[in-house]
């Protein structure tokens, strides 16, 4: 396992992070299964666990808390808030009112008195940066969080938040958690240059592109990944963007074979090769999934292999741009771009 410094915090973290989104109802995992995955991940050298309040409506946090009991100080523990937690309209977002309340809920579910990294799950256009950063700064000073970060923020919002922290003399985001894979390289254009400029640690999610790069998706083979059962439209190969992904996957599979690598090693080795990336979040549902991903922990791709990847999917290109989660609201709502 490789270890890197998380932004400018001085905290050393593994190049792979254990993501707990599949713990509980979403991944149909039991507590025993989740604990076994955590045990194996820690034994394999992973020292970061990332979860969120909304994963299985809090069940993931509860499972993580039970799995790490007695060894919490050995783990860099991260969670997130902002997504809806129920039908109440104010049980979501990035307001002081909600963040103060929901952090206490997360701490209770996790069974800890603080988290190392508290992340705003998505940018909230209804809440000012000053409001959110002020609340996070106070929670940090209270000792309930050590650091705070953002997740899937557009580049311009990352910049604005940094300036707001400076203007109002508040704590700043020290990490960003964007989506990044060989098939979705858009963050190379704007987000990663900004994170490098401001010294942010970067924890990338979906490095296997929702299973497209797991080795299970190939031409002529029925797609039976767990994600395809939940979101079949994202794997319908009659859709042009999905066809483009499958064509790229076939070329990447040939490249991996020539290099003596699995598709997972190629995919994880690619994202962790970028100098702006600190760690790649893996989300295994089973021990077999975890072991296949841990095998990529020390993968270092040669310049020739990275050049070949660039020839298949050009730098800065998203093969499924419509699946991005950081699109400015005005591009989605026509009323916001008309007087």
Protein backbone atom coordinates (compact mmCIF):
# COMPACT_ATOMS: atom_id res chain seq x y z
CA UNK A 1 0.00 0.00 0.00
CA UNK A 2 1.21 3.49 -0.83
CA UNK A 3 0.65 6.39 1.59
CA UNK A 4 0.31 10.06 0.75
CA UNK A 5 -0.23 13.32 2.61
CA UNK A 6 -3.86 14.48 2.61
CA UNK A 7 -3.56 17.94 1.08
CA UNK A 8 -1.62 20.17 3.47
CA UNK A 9 -2.99 18.56 6.65
CA UNK A 10 0.05 16.41 7.37
CA UNK A 11 -2.22 13.37 7.77
CA UNK A 12 -0.90 10.26 6.04
CA UNK A 13 -3.55 8.29 4.17
CA UNK A 14 -3.55 5.14 2.06
CA UNK A 15 -3.78 5.45 -1.72
CA UNK A 16 -6.99 3.38 -1.53
CA UNK A 17 -9.91 4.41 0.69
CA UNK A 18 -12.62 2.00 1.83
CA UNK A 19 -15.98 3.44 0.77
CA UNK A 20 -18.92 2.16 2.80
CA UNK A 21 -21.81 3.05 0.49
CA UNK A 22 -22.58 -0.65 0.00
CA UNK A 23 -22.87 -1.35 3.71
CA UNK A 24 -26.48 -2.03 4.63
CA UNK A 25 -29.57 -1.99 2.46
CA UNK A 26 -27.94 -0.50 -0.66
CA UNK A 27 -25.46 -3.36 -1.00
CA UNK A 28 -27.60 -5.92 0.84
CA UNK A 29 -24.75 -6.54 3.29
CA UNK A 30 -25.08 -7.72 6.89
CA UNK A 31 -23.11 -6.40 9.84
CA UNK A 32 -20.90 -9.49 9.84
CA UNK A 33 -20.12 -9.01 6.15
CA UNK A 34 -19.37 -5.33 6.61
CA UNK A 35 -17.09 -6.05 9.57
CA UNK A 36 -15.24 -8.71 7.58
CA UNK A 37 -14.64 -6.20 4.77
CA UNK A 38 -13.37 -3.58 7.23
CA UNK A 39 -11.09 -6.16 8.90
CA UNK A 40 -9.58 -7.22 5.57
CA UNK A 41 -9.22 -3.63 4.36
CA UNK A 42 -7.31 -2.57 7.47
CA UNK A 43 -5.16 -5.70 7.28
CA UNK A 44 -4.41 -4.79 3.66
CA UNK A 45 -3.09 -1.38 4.67
CA UNK A 46 -6.13 0.86 4.10
CA UNK A 47 -6.42 3.45 6.87
CA UNK A 48 -9.28 5.64 5.55
CA UNK A 49 -12.98 4.77 5.71
CA UNK A 50 -15.49 7.02 3.95
CA UNK A 51 -19.23 6.90 4.51
CA UNK A 52 -22.20 9.32 4.52
CA UNK A 53 -25.33 9.94 6.54
CA UNK A 54 -27.65 9.14 3.63
CA UNK A 55 -26.13 5.76 2.73
CA UNK A 56 -28.99 3.39 3.52
CA UNK A 57 -30.52 6.14 5.67
CA UNK A 58 -27.78 5.98 8.28
CA UNK A 59 -27.35 2.22 8.32
CA UNK A 60 -23.90 2.46 6.73
CA UNK A 61 -22.64 4.75 9.49
CA UNK A 62 -24.04 2.40 12.13
CA UNK A 63 -22.28 -0.59 10.54
CA UNK A 64 -19.00 1.29 10.20
CA UNK A 65 -19.22 2.33 13.85
CA UNK A 66 -19.67 -1.24 15.04
CA UNK A 67 -16.92 -2.51 12.71
CA UNK A 68 -14.29 -0.06 13.98
CA UNK A 69 -15.16 -0.27 17.68
CA UNK A 70 -11.99 -0.52 19.74
CA UNK A 71 -9.66 0.70 16.99
CA UNK A 72 -11.07 4.07 16.05
CA UNK A 73 -7.78 5.94 16.62
CA UNK A 74 -6.05 3.89 13.92
CA UNK A 75 -8.52 5.04 11.26
CA UNK A 76 -9.01 8.29 9.38
CA UNK A 77 -12.80 8.39 9.55
CA UNK A 78 -14.75 10.45 7.01
CA UNK A 79 -18.47 11.02 6.56
CA UNK A 80 -20.69 13.42 4.65
CA UNK A 81 -23.91 15.42 5.02
CA UNK A 82 -26.18 17.53 2.81
CA UNK A 83 -28.39 14.99 1.02
CA UNK A 84 -32.04 14.58 2.15
CA UNK A 85 -32.58 12.51 5.28
CA UNK A 86 -36.31 11.90 5.16
CA UNK A 87 -39.19 14.03 3.91
CA UNK A 88 -38.78 17.03 6.21
CA UNK A 89 -37.66 19.92 3.98
CA UNK A 90 -35.02 21.20 6.41
CA UNK A 91 -33.44 17.78 6.99
CA UNK A 92 -31.00 18.41 4.15
CA UNK A 93 -28.70 21.06 2.76
CA UNK A 94 -25.72 22.96 4.14
CA UNK A 95 -27.32 25.36 6.61
CA UNK A 96 -25.93 25.78 10.11
CA UNK A 97 -29.26 24.53 11.46
CA UNK A 98 -28.98 21.21 9.67
CA UNK A 99 -25.22 20.58 9.82
CA UNK A 100 -25.04 21.06 13.60
CA UNK A 101 -27.95 18.67 14.10
CA UNK A 102 -26.89 16.08 11.56
CA UNK A 103 -23.29 15.87 12.70
CA UNK A 104 -24.54 14.89 16.16
CA UNK A 105 -26.73 12.25 14.49
CA UNK A 106 -23.73 10.91 12.55
CA UNK A 107 -21.53 10.81 15.65
CA UNK A 108 -24.24 8.86 17.47
CA UNK A 109 -24.63 6.37 14.62
CA UNK A 110 -20.86 5.95 14.32
CA UNK A 111 -20.43 5.64 18.08
CA UNK A 112 -17.57 8.18 18.18
CA UNK A 113 -17.01 11.65 19.61
CA UNK A 114 -15.47 13.13 16.45
CA UNK A 115 -14.84 12.45 12.77
CA UNK A 116 -11.57 13.25 11.06
CA UNK A 117 -13.12 14.58 7.85
CA UNK A 118 -16.63 16.02 7.51
CA UNK A 119 -17.65 16.63 3.89
CA UNK A 120 -20.43 18.60 2.25
CA UNK A 121 -21.90 15.97 -0.07
CA UNK A 122 -22.95 18.40 -2.81
CA UNK A 123 -22.86 22.14 -3.31
CA UNK A 124 -26.06 23.72 -1.97
CA UNK A 125 -26.99 26.75 -4.13
CA UNK A 126 -29.53 27.89 -1.51
CA UNK A 127 -26.92 28.38 1.22
CA UNK A 128 -24.10 30.92 1.30
CA UNK A 129 -20.49 29.83 1.67
CA UNK A 130 -20.22 32.02 4.77
CA UNK A 131 -23.13 30.20 6.44
CA UNK A 132 -21.72 26.75 5.76
CA UNK A 133 -18.07 27.52 6.48
CA UNK A 134 -18.98 29.35 9.69
CA UNK A 135 -20.90 26.32 10.97
CA UNK A 136 -18.09 23.94 10.00
CA UNK A 137 -15.48 26.17 11.62
CA UNK A 138 -17.44 26.20 14.88
CA UNK A 139 -17.86 22.41 14.79
CA UNK A 140 -14.13 22.09 14.24
CA UNK A 141 -13.34 24.38 17.17
CA UNK A 142 -15.74 22.33 19.31
CA UNK A 143 -13.61 19.26 18.57
CA UNK A 144 -16.35 17.35 16.77
CA UNK A 145 -14.52 17.37 13.42
CA UNK A 146 -10.81 17.62 12.69
CA UNK A 147 -11.06 18.83 9.07
CA UNK A 148 -13.79 19.55 6.57
CA UNK A 149 -14.07 19.17 2.81
CA UNK A 150 -16.36 19.28 -0.19
CA UNK A 151 -17.66 16.60 -2.53
CA UNK A 152 -18.43 16.90 -6.25
CA UNK A 153 -18.21 20.70 -6.27
CA UNK A 154 -17.80 22.49 -9.62
CA UNK A 155 -14.38 24.11 -9.93
CA UNK A 156 -15.75 27.65 -9.68
CA UNK A 157 -17.49 26.80 -6.39
CA UNK A 158 -14.24 25.43 -4.99
CA UNK A 159 -12.58 28.74 -5.80
CA UNK A 160 -15.46 30.77 -4.36
CA UNK A 161 -15.38 28.77 -1.11
CA UNK A 162 -11.65 29.37 -0.73
CA UNK A 163 -12.15 33.11 -1.19
CA UNK A 164 -15.09 33.15 1.22
CA UNK A 165 -12.96 31.44 3.88
CA UNK A 166 -10.29 34.08 3.43
CA UNK A 167 -12.72 37.02 3.35
CA UNK A 168 -14.62 36.00 6.49
CA UNK A 169 -11.59 34.55 8.36
CA UNK A 170 -13.08 31.07 8.53
CA UNK A 171 -11.72 27.57 8.21
CA UNK A 172 -11.47 26.29 4.64
CA UNK A 173 -12.20 23.10 2.78
CA UNK A 174 -9.02 21.02 2.78
CA UNK A 175 -10.27 18.20 0.55
CA UNK A 176 -12.49 17.60 -2.47
CA UNK A 177 -14.18 14.32 -3.40
CA UNK A 178 -14.94 14.22 -7.15
CA UNK A 179 -15.91 11.43 -9.53
CA UNK A 180 -12.96 10.30 -11.66
CA UNK A 181 -12.16 7.34 -13.89
CA UNK A 182 -10.64 6.52 -17.26
CA UNK A 183 -14.11 6.93 -18.77
CA UNK A 184 -14.94 10.17 -16.95
CA UNK A 185 -11.92 12.49 -17.16
CA UNK A 186 -13.67 15.86 -17.16
CA UNK A 187 -12.26 16.94 -13.79
CA UNK A 188 -8.80 17.06 -15.36
CA UNK A 189 -9.90 20.21 -17.21
CA UNK A 190 -11.00 22.41 -14.29
CA UNK A 191 -11.36 20.69 -10.91
CA UNK A 192 -7.93 19.09 -10.51
CA UNK A 193 -6.02 22.24 -11.51
CA UNK A 194 -7.98 24.11 -8.81
CA UNK A 195 -7.30 21.46 -6.14
CA UNK A 196 -3.61 21.61 -6.98
CA UNK A 197 -3.62 25.41 -6.82
CA UNK A 198 -5.18 25.42 -3.34
CA UNK A 199 -3.40 22.35 -2.00
CA UNK A 200 -6.55 20.28 -1.49
CA UNK A 201 -6.42 16.57 -0.83
CA UNK A 202 -8.45 14.67 -3.44
CA UNK A 203 -10.39 11.47 -2.69
CA UNK A 204 -11.90 10.28 -5.97
CA UNK A 205 -15.06 8.20 -6.13
CA UNK A 206 -16.24 5.71 -8.78
CA UNK A 207 -12.76 4.92 -10.15
CA UNK A 208 -14.24 1.73 -11.65
CA UNK A 209 -16.96 3.78 -13.37
CA UNK A 210 -19.89 2.00 -11.68
CA UNK A 211 -18.54 -1.37 -12.76
CA UNK A 212 -17.70 -0.54 -16.38
CA UNK A 213 -14.00 -1.00 -15.57
CA UNK A 214 -14.35 -3.98 -13.24
CA UNK A 215 -13.70 -6.54 -15.97
CA UNK A 216 -17.29 -7.79 -15.81
CA UNK A 217 -18.50 -5.63 -18.71
CA UNK A 218 -17.39 -6.86 -22.14
CA UNK A 219 -18.69 -7.00 -25.69
CA UNK A 220 -21.09 -9.90 -26.30
CA UNK A 221 -21.49 -10.58 -22.60
CA UNK A 222 -24.69 -9.91 -20.68
CA UNK A 223 -24.18 -7.08 -18.20
CA UNK A 224 -25.11 -8.37 -14.75
CA UNK A 225 -23.35 -5.97 -12.38
CA UNK A 226 -25.23 -4.88 -9.26
CA UNK A 227 -25.26 -1.29 -10.50
CA UNK A 228 -26.78 -2.29 -13.86
CA UNK A 229 -29.73 -3.82 -12.02
CA UNK A 230 -30.39 -0.51 -10.23
CA UNK A 231 -29.68 1.83 -13.17
CA UNK A 232 -30.21 -0.18 -16.37
CA UNK A 233 -30.32 2.96 -18.54
CA UNK A 234 -26.64 3.55 -17.79
CA UNK A 235 -25.74 0.19 -19.29
CA UNK A 236 -28.06 0.12 -22.30
CA UNK A 237 -25.56 -0.24 -25.13
CA UNK A 238 -28.04 1.09 -27.71
CA UNK A 239 -27.46 4.51 -26.09
CA UNK A 240 -24.59 6.27 -27.93
CA UNK A 241 -22.69 7.27 -24.78
CA UNK A 242 -22.89 3.72 -23.43
CA UNK A 243 -21.79 2.34 -26.80
CA UNK A 244 -18.78 4.67 -26.64
CA UNK A 245 -17.97 3.38 -23.16
CA UNK A 246 -18.18 -0.23 -24.26
CA UNK A 247 -15.91 0.45 -27.26
CA UNK A 248 -13.39 2.08 -24.93
CA UNK A 249 -13.63 -0.80 -22.46
CA UNK A 250 -12.81 -3.31 -25.20
CA UNK A 251 -9.69 -1.35 -26.14
CA UNK A 252 -8.71 -0.96 -22.49
CA UNK A 253 -9.15 -4.69 -21.90
CA UNK A 254 -6.69 -5.40 -24.68
CA UNK A 255 -4.25 -2.87 -23.23
CA UNK A 256 -4.52 -4.40 -19.76
CA UNK A 257 -3.89 -7.88 -21.12
CA UNK A 258 -0.79 -6.72 -23.00
CA UNK A 259 0.52 -5.06 -19.84
CA UNK A 260 -0.15 -8.14 -17.69
CA UNK A 261 -2.74 -6.32 -15.59
CA UNK A 262 -6.34 -6.84 -14.61
CA UNK A 263 -8.87 -4.21 -15.64
CA UNK A 264 -9.16 -3.20 -12.00
CA UNK A 265 -5.40 -2.70 -11.73
CA UNK A 266 -5.45 -0.62 -14.89
CA UNK A 267 -8.37 1.51 -13.68
CA UNK A 268 -7.09 2.14 -10.15
CA UNK A 269 -3.51 2.56 -11.31
CA UNK A 270 -4.69 5.24 -13.72
CA UNK A 271 -6.52 7.45 -11.20
CA UNK A 272 -3.86 7.15 -8.50
CA UNK A 273 -1.16 8.10 -11.04
CA UNK A 274 -2.47 11.65 -11.32
CA UNK A 275 -0.38 13.92 -9.07
CA UNK A 276 -3.48 15.74 -7.84
CA UNK A 277 -5.16 12.55 -6.59
CA UNK A 278 -4.50 11.51 -3.00
CA UNK A 279 -6.62 8.36 -2.74
CA UNK A 280 -9.15 6.36 -4.75
CA UNK A 281 -12.34 5.29 -2.99
CA UNK A 282 -13.26 1.66 -3.57
CA UNK A 283 -16.71 0.38 -2.61
CA UNK A 284 -16.52 -3.42 -2.34
CA UNK A 285 -19.71 -5.25 -1.55
CA UNK A 286 -17.98 -8.57 -0.82
CA UNK A 287 -14.59 -9.82 0.35
CA UNK A 288 -13.87 -11.09 -3.18
CA UNK A 289 -14.48 -7.58 -4.53
CA UNK A 290 -12.18 -6.13 -1.89
CA UNK A 291 -9.32 -8.55 -2.55
CA UNK A 292 -9.47 -7.93 -6.31
CA UNK A 293 -9.19 -4.18 -5.63
CA UNK A 294 -6.50 -4.46 -2.96
CA UNK A 295 -4.41 -6.25 -5.59
CA UNK A 296 -4.14 -2.89 -7.34
CA UNK A 297 -2.81 -1.04 -4.30
CA UNK A 298 0.80 -1.01 -5.51
CA UNK A 299 0.11 -0.82 -9.24
CA UNK A 300 2.27 1.77 -11.00
CA UNK A 301 1.48 2.24 -14.68
CA UNK A 302 4.31 2.92 -17.11
CA UNK A 303 4.37 6.04 -19.27
CA UNK A 304 3.66 3.86 -22.31
CA UNK A 305 0.49 2.46 -20.72
CA UNK A 306 -0.68 5.92 -19.64
CA UNK A 307 -0.04 7.23 -23.16
CA UNK A 308 -2.09 4.34 -24.58
CA UNK A 309 -4.96 5.19 -22.22
CA UNK A 310 -4.83 8.81 -23.42
CA UNK A 311 -5.16 7.55 -26.99
CA UNK A 312 -8.32 5.60 -26.09
CA UNK A 313 -10.00 8.28 -23.94
CA UNK A 314 -8.53 11.74 -24.41
CA UNK A 315 -7.53 13.79 -21.34
CA UNK A 316 -10.36 15.93 -19.99
CA UNK A 317 -13.09 13.99 -21.80
CA UNK A 318 -16.23 12.55 -20.17
CA UNK A 319 -17.71 9.75 -22.26
CA UNK A 320 -21.00 10.20 -20.40
CA UNK A 321 -21.09 13.92 -19.71
CA UNK A 322 -24.82 13.82 -18.88
CA UNK A 323 -24.05 11.74 -15.79
CA UNK A 324 -21.98 14.45 -14.16
CA UNK A 325 -23.07 15.60 -10.71
CA UNK A 326 -21.33 18.98 -10.70
CA UNK A 327 -23.16 20.59 -13.62
CA UNK A 328 -23.99 24.28 -12.95
CA UNK A 329 -27.74 24.62 -12.21
CA UNK A 330 -28.27 27.02 -15.13
CA UNK A 331 -27.37 24.26 -17.59
CA UNK A 332 -30.12 22.05 -16.19
CA UNK A 333 -32.89 24.63 -15.65
CA UNK A 334 -33.69 26.85 -18.67
CA UNK A 335 -35.38 29.46 -16.46
CA UNK A 336 -32.02 30.23 -14.83
CA UNK A 337 -30.48 31.36 -18.09
CA UNK A 338 -33.35 33.55 -19.32
CA UNK A 339 -34.43 36.98 -18.11
